[in-house]
Amino acid sequence: MKFLFKIVLLISKLPLKVLYLFSDMLFILIYHIAGYRKKIVFNNIKNSFPEKSDQEVKKISKEFFRNLSDYIVETIKSFTISSENLRVRVQHINQNIFSEANADGKNIILLCGHVFNWEWITALATVVPQKHSFPVYRKMQNLFWEEKLKKIRNSFGNESIEANDVVKHIFRNKNDGNSIYMFVADQTPNHFHVDVGLEFLHQRTPAFIGYDKLATRMNLEFVYCDMKKIKRGFYQVNYYKILPDGEKFVEYEVVRKFHNMLEQTIKNNPANYLWSHRKWKYNHLIKKYIS
């Protein structure tokens, strides 16, 4: 395993223009030869966009696999990419949100989806006034690769936190505007914890709700990441405040609003979402449905 990682590290040092040649070959392998999860991807897109023809769905599916291949080599590049390079490749829009939260003494809960390339958002830590940035991650079964991916997320001064520990950390941490917590908030809950669901992309969808209790109990700033792929290797992130309808968030309000905003992002560029996961596998286990 260590030898394999040394190879990955050497590959990571190659220029991205060379790595994208690997991506082109990887696309041929996973799409045309192996057919990796092609049926799952097709069905997920078809169910999410019932108005689209099979031909349109196939086109989106093919574009998705190209983006997935790029994501894989970009993740490899993340081991050695510099913050200066990422500042060129990822443009952060509406940065005033972070300055305002810092001035108001409100820590930030950053909510993004599995939109390519969500891993590169962590470089945000180099351009905002907050002193602490905490990417939230889930433990992997393979501890060796978990450690290596954690190293990526801890780049640029980040301090990653495992998902089971983050809520406790937020409650204990001083709410002074100096911390950002980065959630990939469209995670599929463990099937033992599929309690709440909502309609998302025309389907009953289990919802990860770990951040909801924060919205109803603490005066935090909730921010949505609208990720866009401008062209190969270049992204733009627009940040938007998620605001309650009343003075405070009510139960599940922030969950519903996040999914509504993410749905619009996906509709704007369907091929840039992670369709290969089994997001709707446990929708029959939903106990409480929110509208």
Protein backbone atom coordinates (compact mmCIF):
# COMPACT_ATOMS: atom_id res chain seq x y z
CA MET A 1 0.00 0.00 0.00
CA LYS A 2 2.83 2.39 0.86
CA PHE A 3 4.55 1.59 -2.44
CA LEU A 4 1.31 2.34 -4.31
CA PHE A 5 1.03 5.68 -2.52
CA LYS A 6 4.59 6.58 -3.55
CA ILE A 7 3.54 6.02 -7.15
CA VAL A 8 0.42 8.18 -6.63
CA LEU A 9 2.61 10.91 -5.12
CA LEU A 10 4.96 10.84 -8.11
CA ILE A 11 2.02 11.05 -10.51
CA SER A 12 0.63 13.94 -8.46
CA LYS A 13 3.73 16.01 -9.24
CA LEU A 14 3.00 15.91 -12.97
CA PRO A 15 1.45 19.04 -14.53
CA LEU A 16 -2.33 18.97 -14.75
CA LYS A 17 -2.21 19.13 -18.54
CA VAL A 18 -0.39 15.77 -18.43
CA LEU A 19 -2.76 14.37 -15.80
CA TYR A 20 -5.72 15.20 -18.01
CA LEU A 21 -4.25 12.83 -20.62
CA PHE A 22 -4.52 10.15 -17.92
CA SER A 23 -8.10 11.32 -17.36
CA ASP A 24 -8.89 10.79 -21.05
CA MET A 25 -7.59 7.22 -20.83
CA LEU A 26 -9.42 6.65 -17.55
CA PHE A 27 -12.67 7.79 -19.16
CA ILE A 28 -12.25 5.21 -21.93
CA LEU A 29 -11.57 2.52 -19.33
CA ILE A 30 -14.45 3.21 -16.93
CA TYR A 31 -17.06 4.24 -19.52
CA HIS A 32 -16.37 2.29 -22.69
CA ILE A 33 -14.55 -0.81 -21.37
CA ALA A 34 -15.53 -1.50 -17.77
CA GLY A 35 -18.92 0.23 -17.90
CA TYR A 36 -18.52 1.26 -14.27
CA ARG A 37 -21.98 1.74 -12.73
CA LYS A 38 -23.39 2.90 -16.07
CA LYS A 39 -26.83 1.49 -15.27
CA ILE A 40 -26.93 3.16 -11.85
CA VAL A 41 -25.87 6.50 -13.34
CA PHE A 42 -28.42 6.26 -16.15
CA ASN A 43 -31.28 5.38 -13.79
CA ASN A 44 -30.36 8.11 -11.27
CA ILE A 45 -30.35 10.76 -13.99
CA LYS A 46 -33.48 9.41 -15.66
CA ASN A 47 -35.42 9.42 -12.39
CA SER A 48 -34.16 12.91 -11.55
CA PHE A 49 -35.10 14.34 -14.95
CA PRO A 50 -38.18 12.38 -16.10
CA GLU A 51 -38.86 15.00 -18.78
CA LYS A 52 -35.61 14.17 -20.61
CA SER A 53 -35.39 11.60 -23.40
CA ASP A 54 -33.15 8.54 -23.13
CA GLN A 55 -30.80 10.16 -25.63
CA GLU A 56 -30.49 13.29 -23.46
CA VAL A 57 -29.90 11.14 -20.38
CA LYS A 58 -27.17 9.17 -22.17
CA LYS A 59 -25.47 12.42 -23.17
CA ILE A 60 -25.52 13.71 -19.57
CA SER A 61 -24.28 10.33 -18.37
CA LYS A 62 -21.33 10.37 -20.76
CA GLU A 63 -20.40 13.93 -19.75
CA PHE A 64 -20.63 12.87 -16.11
CA PHE A 65 -18.06 10.12 -16.61
CA ARG A 66 -15.70 12.65 -18.22
CA ASN A 67 -16.10 14.90 -15.17
CA LEU A 68 -15.64 11.94 -12.83
CA SER A 69 -12.37 11.05 -14.57
CA ASP A 70 -11.18 14.65 -14.21
CA TYR A 71 -12.19 14.60 -10.54
CA ILE A 72 -10.07 11.50 -9.91
CA VAL A 73 -6.89 13.00 -11.39
CA GLU A 74 -7.59 16.34 -9.71
CA THR A 75 -7.84 14.52 -6.37
CA ILE A 76 -4.47 12.90 -7.06
CA LYS A 77 -3.07 16.34 -7.91
CA SER A 78 -4.40 17.62 -4.57
CA PHE A 79 -1.53 15.89 -2.75
CA THR A 80 0.98 18.35 -4.21
CA ILE A 81 -0.95 21.30 -5.67
CA SER A 82 -0.02 24.71 -4.27
CA SER A 83 -2.42 27.24 -2.80
CA GLU A 84 -1.29 29.73 -5.47
CA ASN A 85 -2.31 27.29 -8.21
CA LEU A 86 -5.69 26.67 -6.61
CA ARG A 87 -6.34 30.38 -6.26
CA VAL A 88 -6.07 30.57 -10.05
CA ARG A 89 -8.15 27.46 -10.66
CA VAL A 90 -10.93 28.10 -8.11
CA GLN A 91 -12.54 31.53 -8.06
CA HIS A 92 -14.40 32.35 -4.85
CA ILE A 93 -17.26 34.82 -5.38
CA ASN A 94 -19.14 36.80 -2.70
CA GLN A 95 -16.28 36.63 -0.20
CA ASN A 96 -17.84 39.53 1.68
CA ILE A 97 -20.09 36.97 3.38
CA PHE A 98 -17.08 35.67 5.32
CA SER A 99 -15.89 39.12 6.34
CA GLU A 100 -19.39 40.06 7.52
CA ALA A 101 -19.73 36.88 9.59
CA ASN A 102 -16.32 37.48 11.10
CA ALA A 103 -17.29 41.05 12.03
CA ASP A 104 -20.63 39.88 13.45
CA GLY A 105 -18.95 37.21 15.58
CA LYS A 106 -20.80 34.32 13.93
CA ASN A 107 -19.11 31.05 12.98
CA ILE A 108 -19.99 29.69 9.54
CA ILE A 109 -21.58 26.39 8.54
CA LEU A 110 -20.65 25.90 4.88
CA LEU A 111 -22.97 23.51 3.03
CA CYS A 112 -22.00 22.07 -0.34
CA GLY A 113 -23.08 19.07 -2.39
CA HIS A 114 -21.21 16.39 -4.30
CA VAL A 115 -20.65 18.79 -7.19
CA PHE A 116 -17.27 18.62 -8.95
CA ASN A 117 -14.81 19.48 -7.59
CA TRP A 118 -15.97 19.81 -4.02
CA GLU A 119 -12.55 18.74 -2.66
CA TRP A 120 -10.92 21.94 -3.96
CA ILE A 121 -13.25 24.16 -1.90
CA THR A 122 -10.97 23.57 1.09
CA ALA A 123 -8.50 26.08 -0.37
CA LEU A 124 -11.04 28.70 0.75
CA ALA A 125 -9.10 28.76 4.04
CA THR A 126 -6.33 30.75 2.35
CA VAL A 127 -8.55 33.67 1.29
CA VAL A 128 -10.97 34.28 4.20
CA PRO A 129 -10.40 36.15 7.50
CA GLN A 130 -11.44 33.19 9.68
CA LYS A 131 -8.54 31.67 11.63
CA HIS A 132 -9.90 28.11 11.69
CA SER A 133 -11.37 26.00 8.91
CA PHE A 134 -12.73 22.52 9.63
CA PRO A 135 -13.59 20.22 6.69
CA VAL A 136 -15.99 17.50 7.89
CA TYR A 137 -15.31 13.96 6.66
CA ARG A 138 -16.58 10.42 7.09
CA LYS A 139 -14.30 7.60 8.16
CA MET A 140 -13.23 5.18 5.43
CA GLN A 141 -12.90 1.45 5.93
CA ASN A 142 -9.34 1.57 4.62
CA LEU A 143 -7.43 3.42 7.34
CA PHE A 144 -4.34 3.91 5.17
CA TRP A 145 -6.20 5.83 2.46
CA GLU A 146 -8.30 7.65 5.04
CA GLU A 147 -5.09 9.04 6.50
CA LYS A 148 -3.86 10.12 3.06
CA LEU A 149 -7.14 11.78 2.07
CA LYS A 150 -7.26 13.47 5.45
CA LYS A 151 -3.85 14.91 4.61
CA ILE A 152 -5.39 16.50 1.50
CA ARG A 153 -8.20 18.04 3.52
CA ASN A 154 -5.73 19.34 6.10
CA SER A 155 -3.83 21.26 3.42
CA PHE A 156 -3.79 25.07 3.49
CA GLY A 157 -4.16 25.22 7.27
CA ASN A 158 -7.40 23.21 7.51
CA GLU A 159 -8.20 21.02 10.52
CA SER A 160 -10.47 18.19 9.40
CA ILE A 161 -13.00 16.68 11.81
CA GLU A 162 -14.74 13.31 11.62
CA ALA A 163 -18.51 13.64 11.11
CA ASN A 164 -19.42 11.91 14.39
CA ASP A 165 -17.42 14.48 16.38
CA VAL A 166 -18.27 17.72 14.59
CA VAL A 167 -21.54 18.73 16.31
CA LYS A 168 -19.99 18.35 19.74
CA HIS A 169 -16.99 20.38 18.55
CA ILE A 170 -19.22 23.20 17.26
CA PHE A 171 -21.17 23.45 20.51
CA ARG A 172 -17.95 23.57 22.53
CA ASN A 173 -16.08 25.94 20.23
CA LYS A 174 -16.48 29.66 20.88
CA ASN A 175 -18.94 31.24 18.44
CA ASP A 176 -16.84 34.30 17.65
CA GLY A 177 -16.76 34.42 13.84
CA ASN A 178 -13.32 32.84 13.59
CA SER A 179 -14.35 29.34 12.48
CA ILE A 180 -15.74 27.75 9.31
CA TYR A 181 -17.14 24.21 9.24
CA MET A 182 -17.31 22.66 5.76
CA PHE A 183 -20.06 20.06 5.29
CA VAL A 184 -20.68 17.99 2.17
CA ALA A 185 -24.29 18.05 3.26
CA ASP A 186 -25.97 15.76 0.72
CA GLN A 187 -24.43 12.66 2.28
CA THR A 188 -26.67 9.60 2.38
CA PRO A 189 -27.31 8.65 6.01
CA ASN A 190 -26.35 5.20 7.25
CA HIS A 191 -29.34 2.92 6.72
CA PHE A 192 -29.66 2.58 10.50
CA HIS A 193 -30.25 6.36 10.69
CA VAL A 194 -32.59 7.02 7.79
CA ASP A 195 -35.12 9.01 9.80
CA VAL A 196 -35.92 12.11 7.75
CA GLY A 197 -36.49 12.50 4.02
CA LEU A 198 -37.74 15.05 1.52
CA GLU A 199 -38.46 15.41 -2.17
CA PHE A 200 -35.24 16.04 -4.06
CA LEU A 201 -34.92 15.74 -7.83
CA HIS A 202 -38.44 14.25 -8.11
CA GLN A 203 -37.64 11.48 -5.63
CA ARG A 204 -38.19 10.69 -1.98
CA THR A 205 -34.67 11.18 -0.65
CA PRO A 206 -33.11 10.34 2.74
CA ALA A 207 -31.57 13.50 4.19
CA PHE A 208 -28.49 13.97 6.33
CA ILE A 209 -29.70 16.32 9.09
CA GLY A 210 -26.74 16.54 11.48
CA TYR A 211 -26.41 20.29 10.98
CA ASP A 212 -30.12 21.02 11.55
CA LYS A 213 -29.92 21.09 15.36
CA LEU A 214 -27.19 23.73 15.00
CA ALA A 215 -29.54 25.97 13.02
CA THR A 216 -32.26 25.87 15.66
CA ARG A 217 -30.00 26.18 18.71
CA MET A 218 -27.14 28.50 17.76
CA ASN A 219 -26.75 31.89 16.09
CA LEU A 220 -24.54 30.69 13.23
CA GLU A 221 -24.17 31.84 9.63
CA PHE A 222 -25.30 29.17 7.15
CA VAL A 223 -23.78 29.50 3.69
CA TYR A 224 -24.47 27.54 0.50
CA CYS A 225 -21.70 26.74 -2.04
CA ASP A 226 -22.86 26.98 -5.64
CA MET A 227 -20.04 25.17 -7.47
CA LYS A 228 -19.64 25.62 -11.22
CA LYS A 229 -17.18 24.02 -13.62
CA ILE A 230 -16.11 26.82 -15.95
CA LYS A 231 -13.83 24.64 -18.06
CA ARG A 232 -11.49 21.74 -17.50
CA GLY A 233 -9.53 22.39 -14.31
CA PHE A 234 -11.21 25.71 -13.54
CA TYR A 235 -14.11 26.29 -11.16
CA GLN A 236 -16.16 29.11 -9.71
CA VAL A 237 -17.86 29.01 -6.32
CA ASN A 238 -20.64 31.47 -5.54
CA TYR A 239 -21.48 31.72 -1.85
CA TYR A 240 -25.01 32.54 -0.69
CA LYS A 241 -26.41 33.02 2.79
CA ILE A 242 -29.17 30.59 3.77
CA LEU A 243 -31.63 32.67 5.74
CA PRO A 244 -34.68 31.66 7.82
CA ASP A 245 -38.17 32.82 6.87
CA GLY A 246 -38.68 34.13 10.39
CA GLU A 247 -36.32 35.37 13.07
CA LYS A 248 -34.85 31.88 13.57
CA PHE A 249 -34.71 28.61 11.67
CA VAL A 250 -37.45 26.15 12.52
CA GLU A 251 -36.83 22.40 12.50
CA TYR A 252 -35.59 21.08 9.13
CA GLU A 253 -35.92 24.51 7.45
CA VAL A 254 -32.21 24.76 6.65
CA VAL A 255 -32.21 21.16 5.38
CA ARG A 256 -35.05 21.89 2.97
CA LYS A 257 -33.51 25.16 1.76
CA PHE A 258 -30.10 23.58 1.20
CA HIS A 259 -31.62 20.82 -0.94
CA ASN A 260 -33.65 23.35 -2.93
CA MET A 261 -30.49 25.34 -3.71
CA LEU A 262 -28.49 22.22 -4.54
CA GLU A 263 -31.26 21.03 -6.87
CA GLN A 264 -31.01 24.28 -8.82
CA THR A 265 -27.22 23.90 -9.08
CA ILE A 266 -27.67 20.39 -10.47
CA LYS A 267 -30.32 21.51 -12.96
CA ASN A 268 -27.95 24.19 -14.25
CA ASN A 269 -25.29 21.56 -15.02
CA PRO A 270 -26.55 17.98 -14.52
CA ALA A 271 -23.31 16.31 -15.64
CA ASN A 272 -21.34 17.91 -12.82
CA TYR A 273 -23.08 16.01 -9.99
CA LEU A 274 -21.95 12.68 -8.51
CA TRP A 275 -24.53 10.31 -10.05
CA SER A 276 -22.62 7.09 -9.40
CA HIS A 277 -23.56 6.83 -5.72
CA ARG A 278 -26.62 4.89 -4.53
CA LYS A 279 -28.31 7.94 -3.07
CA TRP A 280 -31.85 6.57 -3.25
CA LYS A 281 -31.14 3.01 -2.13
CA TYR A 282 -32.76 3.47 1.29
CA ASN A 283 -35.63 5.82 0.46
CA HIS A 284 -38.12 3.15 1.60
CA LEU A 285 -36.71 3.46 5.15
CA ILE A 286 -37.70 7.12 5.59
CA LYS A 287 -39.69 7.56 8.80
CA LYS A 288 -40.54 11.28 8.61
CA TYR A 289 -41.13 13.16 5.37
CA ILE A 290 -40.69 16.94 5.28
CA SER A 291 -42.15 19.16 2.55
